[in-house]
Amino acid sequence: MNIDLTNPIFHDEQAARKHLEATRWPDGPWCPHCGSTNAMRMKGKTQAGMFLCRDCRDKFTVRSGTVMERSHVPLAKWLLAFRLLAGAKKGMSAMQLGRTIGVTYKTAWFLGHRIRECMRDPNPAPIGGTNKVVEADESFFGGKAKNRAHRKEPPKKEAVMTLLERDGEARSFHIADVTAKTLREALVTTASRASYLMTDDNAAYIKVGKEYAGHGSVIHSKNEYARGGFWHVNTAECHFSLMKRSVFGSHHVISEAHLFRYLAEWDFKFNTRNISDSERTTLMVRGAEGKRLLYDQPRQAAHA
């Protein structure tokens, strides 16, 4: 996708539709209802962008079977929203997105969550393996009591665990607590036991560390953050730092119900850090395939 924001695909509906069709169907259109490639483009002003499947006789457009299905937001605005979120390293608030593309706050909020759903991989591959290092760390997201104008009790904190393969990908989870049982469940279902596990001195990792090829740790309680250049969890902590910059600088408040989608966005951007914004946008658009997110579905299971 062209990185130039003056490109007609971000402003002209016909150009946007043609671009989306070429991105989704590089080898020609196929029916999202039955999978048939025996489809024809319909003619007439009232059926612009419409296709007819000759096998199941159903009609469809490039929106069908994606997060854009039945949306009244113009495709050009969808593409612009995809592009803006792909290039926003620390995220973009719904208020800012709405002002930029010219839609209401409610529309921008829902666009943002639909696009984050496109970044979420429903079947992520395991990370780590032989001769690979997986860093594990956890942190908490939530405000501080001193920042509350009236109520001074501490706000609820949400626990997040990140598993990160050095020079590889990250996987982040919203977890109920940081007990040994909860951390082990996330670890063994995500990171190969052939990996070398690297953690801080959290005692919850001691037992599960024995299940891995090796287990090293740094003692944060004694202000040790790296030892010998190999023993550290600085990569995972850097990932957390970027997450929190996104919260502090852009979103300010993130609800528990939607935290897992923000985690998906942050992981996706980290995992695609070595490609251009335009390539990232294309991946996001292709990730819209086979996903729907309705107003009466504010939350889906994080591992659905």
Protein backbone atom coordinates (compact mmCIF):
# COMPACT_ATOMS: atom_id res chain seq x y z
CA MET A 1 0.00 0.00 0.00
CA ASN A 2 1.29 3.45 -0.89
CA ILE A 3 2.52 5.27 2.21
CA ASP A 4 1.43 8.66 0.79
CA LEU A 5 -1.69 9.76 2.67
CA THR A 6 -2.73 11.86 -0.34
CA ASN A 7 -3.22 8.65 -2.32
CA PRO A 8 -6.76 8.53 -3.82
CA ILE A 9 -7.44 5.21 -2.06
CA PHE A 10 -7.76 7.16 1.20
CA HIS A 11 -10.23 9.67 -0.19
CA ASP A 12 -12.02 8.23 -3.23
CA GLU A 13 -14.54 5.44 -2.69
CA GLN A 14 -14.08 3.75 -6.06
CA ALA A 15 -10.29 3.77 -5.76
CA ALA A 16 -10.55 2.40 -2.20
CA ARG A 17 -12.85 -0.42 -3.32
CA LYS A 18 -10.54 -1.42 -6.18
CA HIS A 19 -7.55 -1.40 -3.85
CA LEU A 20 -9.32 -3.57 -1.26
CA GLU A 21 -10.44 -6.01 -3.94
CA ALA A 22 -6.88 -6.34 -5.24
CA THR A 23 -5.54 -6.79 -1.68
CA ARG A 24 -8.11 -9.35 -0.61
CA TRP A 25 -8.41 -11.20 -3.92
CA PRO A 26 -5.06 -10.97 -5.76
CA ASP A 27 -6.01 -13.98 -7.89
CA GLY A 28 -9.59 -12.90 -8.52
CA PRO A 29 -12.75 -12.74 -6.37
CA TRP A 30 -14.10 -15.77 -4.57
CA CYS A 31 -17.38 -16.19 -2.75
CA PRO A 32 -17.14 -15.78 1.06
CA HIS A 33 -20.37 -17.78 1.41
CA CYS A 34 -19.32 -21.01 -0.35
CA GLY A 35 -15.69 -20.43 -1.37
CA SER A 36 -16.36 -20.72 -5.10
CA THR A 37 -14.23 -18.75 -7.55
CA ASN A 38 -17.03 -18.88 -10.11
CA ALA A 39 -18.17 -15.32 -9.54
CA MET A 40 -19.14 -12.44 -11.80
CA ARG A 41 -19.13 -8.69 -11.25
CA MET A 42 -22.61 -7.20 -11.37
CA LYS A 43 -23.35 -4.11 -13.44
CA GLY A 44 -25.38 -1.01 -12.72
CA LYS A 45 -24.99 2.03 -10.49
CA THR A 46 -27.06 0.51 -7.69
CA GLN A 47 -24.86 -2.60 -7.58
CA ALA A 48 -21.42 -1.01 -7.65
CA GLY A 49 -18.86 -3.37 -6.15
CA MET A 50 -21.35 -6.25 -6.02
CA PHE A 51 -20.49 -9.78 -7.18
CA LEU A 52 -22.78 -12.74 -7.88
CA CYS A 53 -21.65 -16.29 -7.14
CA ARG A 54 -22.75 -18.53 -10.01
CA ASP A 55 -22.71 -21.59 -7.73
CA CYS A 56 -24.58 -20.61 -4.55
CA ARG A 57 -26.30 -17.63 -6.24
CA ASP A 58 -25.47 -15.36 -3.28
CA LYS A 59 -24.33 -11.78 -3.70
CA PHE A 60 -21.26 -10.36 -1.97
CA THR A 61 -18.88 -7.42 -1.90
CA VAL A 62 -15.33 -6.91 -0.70
CA ARG A 63 -16.80 -6.11 2.73
CA SER A 64 -18.55 -9.50 3.04
CA GLY A 65 -17.04 -11.86 5.59
CA THR A 66 -14.80 -9.19 7.14
CA VAL A 67 -14.95 -6.72 10.01
CA MET A 68 -16.29 -4.19 7.50
CA GLU A 69 -19.42 -6.18 6.69
CA ARG A 70 -22.67 -4.20 6.99
CA SER A 71 -20.72 -1.09 8.01
CA HIS A 72 -21.96 2.21 6.61
CA VAL A 73 -18.53 3.84 6.99
CA PRO A 74 -17.05 4.55 3.53
CA LEU A 75 -14.26 2.20 2.45
CA ALA A 76 -11.90 5.15 1.97
CA LYS A 77 -12.30 6.07 5.64
CA TRP A 78 -11.75 2.43 6.62
CA LEU A 79 -8.49 2.36 4.67
CA LEU A 80 -7.36 5.65 6.16
CA ALA A 81 -8.12 4.37 9.67
CA PHE A 82 -6.14 1.17 8.97
CA ARG A 83 -3.21 3.23 7.73
CA LEU A 84 -3.23 5.69 10.64
CA LEU A 85 -3.36 2.95 13.30
CA ALA A 86 -0.63 0.97 11.51
CA GLY A 87 1.72 3.94 11.69
CA ALA A 88 0.90 5.08 15.25
CA LYS A 89 3.70 3.47 17.25
CA LYS A 90 2.15 4.42 20.58
CA GLY A 91 -1.44 4.04 19.46
CA MET A 92 -4.15 6.52 18.62
CA SER A 93 -7.14 7.42 20.77
CA ALA A 94 -10.67 7.18 19.38
CA MET A 95 -11.05 10.92 19.85
CA GLN A 96 -7.97 11.63 17.74
CA LEU A 97 -8.95 9.08 15.10
CA GLY A 98 -12.43 10.57 14.83
CA ARG A 99 -11.08 14.11 14.39
CA THR A 100 -8.58 12.97 11.77
CA ILE A 101 -10.87 10.96 9.49
CA GLY A 102 -14.03 12.99 10.14
CA VAL A 103 -16.33 10.61 12.01
CA THR A 104 -18.03 10.70 15.41
CA TYR A 105 -16.30 9.49 18.55
CA LYS A 106 -18.61 6.46 18.73
CA THR A 107 -17.81 5.46 15.14
CA ALA A 108 -14.07 5.98 15.67
CA TRP A 109 -14.14 3.91 18.88
CA PHE A 110 -15.81 1.02 17.12
CA LEU A 111 -13.54 1.32 14.07
CA GLY A 112 -10.53 1.15 16.36
CA HIS A 113 -11.68 -2.05 18.05
CA ARG A 114 -12.59 -3.69 14.77
CA ILE A 115 -9.14 -2.88 13.40
CA ARG A 116 -7.49 -4.20 16.57
CA GLU A 117 -9.46 -7.40 16.02
CA CYS A 118 -7.74 -7.61 12.62
CA MET A 119 -4.38 -7.53 14.41
CA ARG A 120 -5.35 -10.39 16.72
CA ASP A 121 -4.14 -13.83 15.65
CA PRO A 122 -6.76 -16.40 16.76
CA ASN A 123 -4.26 -19.27 16.43
CA PRO A 124 -0.81 -17.93 17.31
CA ALA A 125 2.13 -20.26 16.76
CA PRO A 126 4.23 -21.28 19.80
CA ILE A 127 7.39 -19.29 20.39
CA GLY A 128 10.86 -20.43 21.41
CA GLY A 129 12.52 -23.76 20.74
CA THR A 130 15.95 -25.36 20.83
CA ASN A 131 18.77 -22.83 21.41
CA LYS A 132 16.26 -19.99 21.78
CA VAL A 133 15.67 -17.73 24.77
CA VAL A 134 12.17 -16.82 25.94
CA GLU A 135 11.83 -13.95 28.40
CA ALA A 136 8.86 -13.97 30.78
CA ASP A 137 7.73 -10.98 32.77
CA GLU A 138 4.55 -9.53 34.23
CA SER A 139 3.28 -6.06 34.96
CA PHE A 140 0.14 -4.26 36.10
CA PHE A 141 -2.02 -1.74 34.27
CA GLY A 142 -4.21 0.73 36.11
CA GLY A 143 -4.26 4.18 37.67
CA LYS A 144 -2.96 5.46 41.00
CA ALA A 145 -5.03 6.49 44.01
CA LYS A 146 -3.22 9.85 44.23
CA ASN A 147 -4.57 10.76 40.79
CA ARG A 148 -8.19 10.35 41.85
CA ALA A 149 -9.96 13.59 42.61
CA HIS A 150 -12.43 12.17 45.12
CA ARG A 151 -11.93 8.48 45.83
CA LYS A 152 -8.56 7.73 47.37
CA GLU A 153 -8.75 3.95 47.46
CA PRO A 154 -6.37 2.27 44.96
CA PRO A 155 -8.03 1.53 41.60
CA LYS A 156 -8.16 -2.03 40.37
CA LYS A 157 -4.98 -3.18 38.69
CA GLU A 158 -5.04 -5.60 35.74
CA ALA A 159 -2.23 -8.15 35.53
CA VAL A 160 -0.55 -8.70 32.16
CA MET A 161 2.04 -11.35 31.32
CA THR A 162 4.37 -11.12 28.34
CA LEU A 163 6.38 -13.95 26.83
CA LEU A 164 8.94 -12.75 24.33
CA GLU A 165 11.38 -14.69 22.19
CA ARG A 166 14.64 -12.82 21.76
CA ASP A 167 14.92 -11.66 18.14
CA GLY A 168 11.43 -13.12 17.67
CA GLU A 169 7.82 -12.47 18.55
CA ALA A 170 5.93 -11.51 21.69
CA ARG A 171 2.76 -12.95 23.22
CA SER A 172 0.92 -10.95 25.89
CA PHE A 173 -1.98 -12.09 28.06
CA HIS A 174 -4.42 -10.47 30.44
CA ILE A 175 -4.26 -12.84 33.41
CA ALA A 176 -6.30 -13.15 36.58
CA ASP A 177 -3.31 -13.10 38.94
CA VAL A 178 0.43 -13.71 39.08
CA THR A 179 0.39 -16.99 40.98
CA ALA A 180 2.59 -19.91 39.96
CA LYS A 181 -0.41 -21.86 38.59
CA THR A 182 -1.61 -19.01 36.36
CA LEU A 183 1.86 -18.15 35.06
CA ARG A 184 2.65 -21.80 34.33
CA GLU A 185 -0.52 -22.26 32.30
CA ALA A 186 0.35 -19.31 30.05
CA LEU A 187 3.98 -20.42 29.76
CA VAL A 188 3.58 -24.07 28.81
CA THR A 189 0.81 -23.38 26.30
CA THR A 190 2.78 -20.63 24.56
CA ALA A 191 6.53 -21.23 24.83
CA SER A 192 8.27 -24.45 23.78
CA ARG A 193 9.81 -26.38 26.69
CA ALA A 194 12.94 -26.75 24.56
CA SER A 195 13.59 -23.04 25.16
CA TYR A 196 15.86 -21.43 27.73
CA LEU A 197 13.56 -19.55 30.08
CA MET A 198 14.70 -16.17 31.38
CA THR A 199 12.84 -14.44 34.22
CA ASP A 200 13.30 -12.12 37.16
CA ASP A 201 13.49 -13.43 40.72
CA ASN A 202 9.74 -14.02 41.07
CA ALA A 203 9.49 -17.27 43.04
CA ALA A 204 6.47 -18.32 40.96
CA TYR A 205 8.84 -19.22 38.11
CA ILE A 206 11.11 -21.54 40.09
CA LYS A 207 9.06 -24.73 39.70
CA VAL A 208 7.97 -24.22 36.08
CA GLY A 209 11.53 -23.26 35.16
CA LYS A 210 12.55 -26.88 35.79
CA GLU A 211 10.29 -27.96 32.91
CA TYR A 212 12.39 -25.99 30.42
CA ALA A 213 15.76 -26.70 28.84
CA GLY A 214 17.24 -24.13 31.19
CA HIS A 215 16.16 -21.36 33.52
CA GLY A 216 18.06 -18.21 34.34
CA SER A 217 17.05 -15.19 36.36
CA VAL A 218 18.18 -11.77 37.47
CA ILE A 219 17.58 -10.53 41.00
CA HIS A 220 15.56 -7.35 40.67
CA SER A 221 15.06 -7.20 44.43
CA LYS A 222 18.80 -6.52 44.72
CA ASN A 223 18.80 -4.02 41.83
CA GLU A 224 20.33 -6.51 39.42
CA TYR A 225 18.91 -5.96 35.93
CA ALA A 226 21.52 -7.63 33.71
CA ARG A 227 24.39 -10.02 34.20
CA GLY A 228 26.96 -10.80 31.56
CA GLY A 229 24.85 -9.52 28.70
CA PHE A 230 22.82 -12.76 28.53
CA TRP A 231 20.92 -12.89 31.81
CA HIS A 232 18.21 -10.21 31.65
CA VAL A 233 14.55 -9.62 30.83
CA ASN A 234 15.18 -6.17 29.38
CA THR A 235 13.51 -7.00 26.06
CA ALA A 236 10.24 -7.88 27.77
CA GLU A 237 10.49 -4.80 29.99
CA CYS A 238 11.08 -2.63 26.91
CA HIS A 239 7.90 -4.08 25.41
CA PHE A 240 6.00 -3.20 28.58
CA SER A 241 7.46 0.31 28.47
CA LEU A 242 6.04 0.87 24.97
CA MET A 243 2.67 -0.47 26.12
CA LYS A 244 2.51 1.95 29.02
CA ARG A 245 3.63 4.89 26.89
CA SER A 246 0.60 4.11 24.72
CA VAL A 247 -1.68 4.17 27.77
CA PHE A 248 -0.20 7.31 29.34
CA GLY A 249 0.17 9.27 26.12
CA SER A 250 -2.82 8.23 24.00
CA HIS A 251 -5.54 6.20 25.67
CA HIS A 252 -5.21 7.27 29.33
CA VAL A 253 -7.76 4.66 30.46
CA ILE A 254 -8.27 1.12 29.17
CA SER A 255 -11.13 -1.00 30.43
CA GLU A 256 -10.66 -4.58 31.57
CA ALA A 257 -13.20 -5.75 28.97
CA HIS A 258 -11.10 -4.54 26.04
CA LEU A 259 -7.57 -4.90 27.40
CA PHE A 260 -6.87 -8.07 25.41
CA ARG A 261 -7.45 -6.23 22.11
CA TYR A 262 -5.00 -3.50 23.05
CA LEU A 263 -2.50 -6.24 23.93
CA ALA A 264 -3.09 -7.74 20.48
CA GLU A 265 -2.35 -4.34 18.90
CA TRP A 266 0.86 -3.85 20.87
CA ASP A 267 2.09 -7.39 20.15
CA PHE A 268 1.24 -7.08 16.46
CA LYS A 269 3.20 -3.85 16.12
CA PHE A 270 6.15 -5.34 17.99
CA ASN A 271 6.08 -8.49 15.88
CA THR A 272 6.01 -6.47 12.65
CA ARG A 273 8.61 -3.93 13.78
CA ASN A 274 10.97 -4.79 10.90
CA ILE A 275 8.54 -4.02 8.08
CA SER A 276 7.21 -0.71 6.76
CA ASP A 277 3.97 0.94 7.82
CA SER A 278 2.53 0.22 4.38
CA GLU A 279 3.32 -3.51 4.64
CA ARG A 280 1.86 -3.55 8.15
CA THR A 281 -1.32 -1.93 6.85
CA THR A 282 -1.68 -4.63 4.19
CA LEU A 283 -1.32 -7.36 6.83
CA MET A 284 -4.01 -5.68 8.94
CA VAL A 285 -6.40 -5.43 5.99
CA ARG A 286 -5.87 -9.12 5.19
CA GLY A 287 -6.42 -9.91 8.86
CA ALA A 288 -10.00 -8.63 8.49
CA GLU A 289 -10.91 -11.84 6.67
CA GLY A 290 -13.37 -14.10 8.47
CA LYS A 291 -13.91 -11.79 11.45
CA ARG A 292 -16.99 -9.94 12.67
CA LEU A 293 -17.36 -7.73 15.72
CA LEU A 294 -20.89 -6.59 16.52
CA TYR A 295 -22.14 -3.97 18.96
CA ASP A 296 -23.64 -6.72 21.14
CA GLN A 297 -20.23 -8.47 21.26
CA PRO A 298 -18.14 -6.03 23.29
CA ARG A 299 -15.89 -8.79 24.50
CA GLN A 300 -14.67 -12.10 23.14
CA ALA A 301 -12.50 -14.58 24.99
CA ALA A 302 -8.88 -13.60 24.66
CA HIS A 303 -7.92 -17.10 23.47
CA ALA A 304 -11.03 -17.73 21.35
